[in-house]
Amino acid sequence: MQVLKRPIITEKATKLNTSRQYAFEVDVKANKIEIRKAIETQFTVDVISIRTIRVRPKRTVQFTKRGRFAGKTAARKKAYVTLKTGQTIDIGTGANE
């Protein structure tokens, strides 16, 4: 199981980077301990705290000539990670500074 899927690069997430907080999309089954280990080994930083959010799937409906097709998007999980003072992660290259 790959714990870290990708970093989340949005306006809100980049604004959090100034306060040493970074957002990642993680595996839905991953817990905070696994997320902490994955970030500390991949970026060689010290993690202070982790907040996780489960994003529920949204229902989608598509109307076509053949009729109505209903479905839903995939469930996701986000992790907001706070680092120790003086440490940063360069999201663009995936390395720490």
C-alpha atoms as a PDB file:
ATOM      1  CA  MET A   1       0.000   0.000   0.000  1.00  0.00           C
ATOM      2  CA  GLN A   2       1.389   3.383  -0.996  1.00  0.00           C
ATOM      3  CA  VAL A   3       0.486   5.745   1.852  1.00  0.00           C
ATOM      4  CA  LEU A   4       1.270   9.100   0.185  1.00  0.00           C
ATOM      5  CA  LYS A   5      -0.473   9.555  -3.151  1.00  0.00           C
ATOM      6  CA  ARG A   6       0.329  13.170  -4.050  1.00  0.00           C
ATOM      7  CA  PRO A   7       0.753  16.608  -2.512  1.00  0.00           C
ATOM      8  CA  ILE A   8      -2.256  18.907  -2.684  1.00  0.00           C
ATOM      9  CA  ILE A   9      -1.328  22.171  -4.386  1.00  0.00           C
ATOM     10  CA  THR A  10      -4.214  24.583  -4.041  1.00  0.00           C
ATOM     11  CA  GLU A  11      -4.473  28.192  -2.963  1.00  0.00           C
ATOM     12  CA  LYS A  12      -5.461  27.183   0.564  1.00  0.00           C
ATOM     13  CA  ALA A  13      -2.682  24.589   0.845  1.00  0.00           C
ATOM     14  CA  THR A  14       0.039  26.947  -0.385  1.00  0.00           C
ATOM     15  CA  LYS A  15      -1.116  29.588   2.086  1.00  0.00           C
ATOM     16  CA  LEU A  16      -0.653  27.034   4.893  1.00  0.00           C
ATOM     17  CA  ASN A  17       2.967  26.437   3.827  1.00  0.00           C
ATOM     18  CA  THR A  18       4.026  29.685   5.506  1.00  0.00           C
ATOM     19  CA  SER A  19       3.044  28.201   8.889  1.00  0.00           C
ATOM     20  CA  ARG A  20       4.939  24.912   8.238  1.00  0.00           C
ATOM     21  CA  GLN A  21       1.764  23.011   7.281  1.00  0.00           C
ATOM     22  CA  TYR A  22       1.543  20.846   4.167  1.00  0.00           C
ATOM     23  CA  ALA A  23      -1.402  18.992   2.612  1.00  0.00           C
ATOM     24  CA  PHE A  24      -1.188  15.526   1.064  1.00  0.00           C
ATOM     25  CA  GLU A  25      -3.686  13.140  -0.452  1.00  0.00           C
ATOM     26  CA  VAL A  26      -3.186   9.807   1.291  1.00  0.00           C
ATOM     27  CA  ASP A  27      -4.572   6.289   1.047  1.00  0.00           C
ATOM     28  CA  VAL A  28      -8.089   6.004   2.480  1.00  0.00           C
ATOM     29  CA  LYS A  29      -7.052   3.142   4.782  1.00  0.00           C
ATOM     30  CA  ALA A  30      -3.904   4.862   6.108  1.00  0.00           C
ATOM     31  CA  ASN A  31      -3.822   5.983   9.735  1.00  0.00           C
ATOM     32  CA  LYS A  32      -1.884   8.844  11.319  1.00  0.00           C
ATOM     33  CA  ILE A  33       1.023   6.636  12.416  1.00  0.00           C
ATOM     34  CA  GLU A  34       1.566   5.310   8.883  1.00  0.00           C
ATOM     35  CA  ILE A  35       1.288   8.819   7.428  1.00  0.00           C
ATOM     36  CA  ARG A  36       3.860  10.152   9.930  1.00  0.00           C
ATOM     37  CA  LYS A  37       6.355   7.373   9.096  1.00  0.00           C
ATOM     38  CA  ALA A  38       5.921   7.853   5.345  1.00  0.00           C
ATOM     39  CA  ILE A  39       6.493  11.617   5.477  1.00  0.00           C
ATOM     40  CA  GLU A  40       9.449  11.400   7.861  1.00  0.00           C
ATOM     41  CA  THR A  41      11.220   8.779   5.726  1.00  0.00           C
ATOM     42  CA  GLN A  42      10.462  10.328   2.324  1.00  0.00           C
ATOM     43  CA  PHE A  43      11.298  13.942   3.199  1.00  0.00           C
ATOM     44  CA  THR A  44      13.605  13.453   6.269  1.00  0.00           C
ATOM     45  CA  VAL A  45      11.702  15.960   8.432  1.00  0.00           C
ATOM     46  CA  ASP A  46      10.192  15.875  11.932  1.00  0.00           C
ATOM     47  CA  VAL A  47       6.382  15.849  12.049  1.00  0.00           C
ATOM     48  CA  ILE A  48       4.705  17.579  15.012  1.00  0.00           C
ATOM     49  CA  SER A  49       1.030  16.907  14.262  1.00  0.00           C
ATOM     50  CA  ILE A  50      -1.255  15.414  11.636  1.00  0.00           C
ATOM     51  CA  ARG A  51      -4.901  16.230  10.924  1.00  0.00           C
ATOM     52  CA  THR A  52      -6.834  13.942   8.590  1.00  0.00           C
ATOM     53  CA  ILE A  53     -10.035  14.562   6.671  1.00  0.00           C
ATOM     54  CA  ARG A  54     -12.145  12.002   4.830  1.00  0.00           C
ATOM     55  CA  VAL A  55     -13.789  13.423   1.699  1.00  0.00           C
ATOM     56  CA  ARG A  56     -17.000  11.596   0.905  1.00  0.00           C
ATOM     57  CA  PRO A  57     -17.757  10.648  -2.706  1.00  0.00           C
ATOM     58  CA  LYS A  58     -20.069  12.944  -4.644  1.00  0.00           C
ATOM     59  CA  ARG A  59     -22.998  11.579  -6.623  1.00  0.00           C
ATOM     60  CA  THR A  60     -22.920  12.245 -10.343  1.00  0.00           C
ATOM     61  CA  VAL A  61     -25.703  11.955 -12.914  1.00  0.00           C
ATOM     62  CA  GLN A  62     -25.300  11.962 -16.664  1.00  0.00           C
ATOM     63  CA  PHE A  63     -28.253  12.251 -19.027  1.00  0.00           C
ATOM     64  CA  THR A  64     -27.733  10.767 -22.491  1.00  0.00           C
ATOM     65  CA  LYS A  65     -29.886   9.543 -25.360  1.00  0.00           C
ATOM     66  CA  ARG A  66     -29.759   6.071 -23.883  1.00  0.00           C
ATOM     67  CA  GLY A  67     -31.058   7.234 -20.538  1.00  0.00           C
ATOM     68  CA  ARG A  68     -29.811   8.295 -17.148  1.00  0.00           C
ATOM     69  CA  PHE A  69     -26.493   7.042 -15.763  1.00  0.00           C
ATOM     70  CA  ALA A  70     -25.828   7.497 -12.072  1.00  0.00           C
ATOM     71  CA  GLY A  71     -22.517   7.037 -10.336  1.00  0.00           C
ATOM     72  CA  LYS A  72     -20.207   8.603  -7.810  1.00  0.00           C
ATOM     73  CA  THR A  73     -16.668   9.914  -7.542  1.00  0.00           C
ATOM     74  CA  ALA A  74     -13.988   8.124  -5.558  1.00  0.00           C
ATOM     75  CA  ALA A  75     -13.636   8.611  -1.807  1.00  0.00           C
ATOM     76  CA  ARG A  76     -10.475  10.456  -0.771  1.00  0.00           C
ATOM     77  CA  LYS A  77      -8.519  11.227   2.368  1.00  0.00           C
ATOM     78  CA  LYS A  78      -6.426  14.337   3.026  1.00  0.00           C
ATOM     79  CA  ALA A  79      -3.716  14.807   5.635  1.00  0.00           C
ATOM     80  CA  TYR A  80      -2.561  18.199   6.902  1.00  0.00           C
ATOM     81  CA  VAL A  81       0.938  17.820   8.348  1.00  0.00           C
ATOM     82  CA  THR A  82       2.675  20.322  10.644  1.00  0.00           C
ATOM     83  CA  LEU A  83       6.488  20.248  10.715  1.00  0.00           C
ATOM     84  CA  LYS A  84       9.027  21.210  13.354  1.00  0.00           C
ATOM     85  CA  THR A  85      10.181  24.846  13.439  1.00  0.00           C
ATOM     86  CA  GLY A  86      12.757  25.650  10.762  1.00  0.00           C
ATOM     87  CA  GLN A  87      11.919  22.691   8.499  1.00  0.00           C
ATOM     88  CA  THR A  88      10.229  22.911   5.114  1.00  0.00           C
ATOM     89  CA  ILE A  89       9.318  20.612   2.231  1.00  0.00           C
ATOM     90  CA  ASP A  90       9.810  21.660  -1.384  1.00  0.00           C
ATOM     91  CA  ILE A  91       6.632  20.263  -2.923  1.00  0.00           C
ATOM     92  CA  GLY A  92       7.770  20.939  -6.508  1.00  0.00           C
ATOM     93  CA  THR A  93      10.794  18.630  -6.393  1.00  0.00           C
ATOM     94  CA  GLY A  94       9.786  16.438  -3.456  1.00  0.00           C
ATOM     95  CA  ALA A  95      12.932  17.236  -1.467  1.00  0.00           C
ATOM     96  CA  ASN A  96      13.368  19.015   1.833  1.00  0.00           C
ATOM     97  CA  GLU A  97      15.359  22.189   2.420  1.00  0.00           C
END
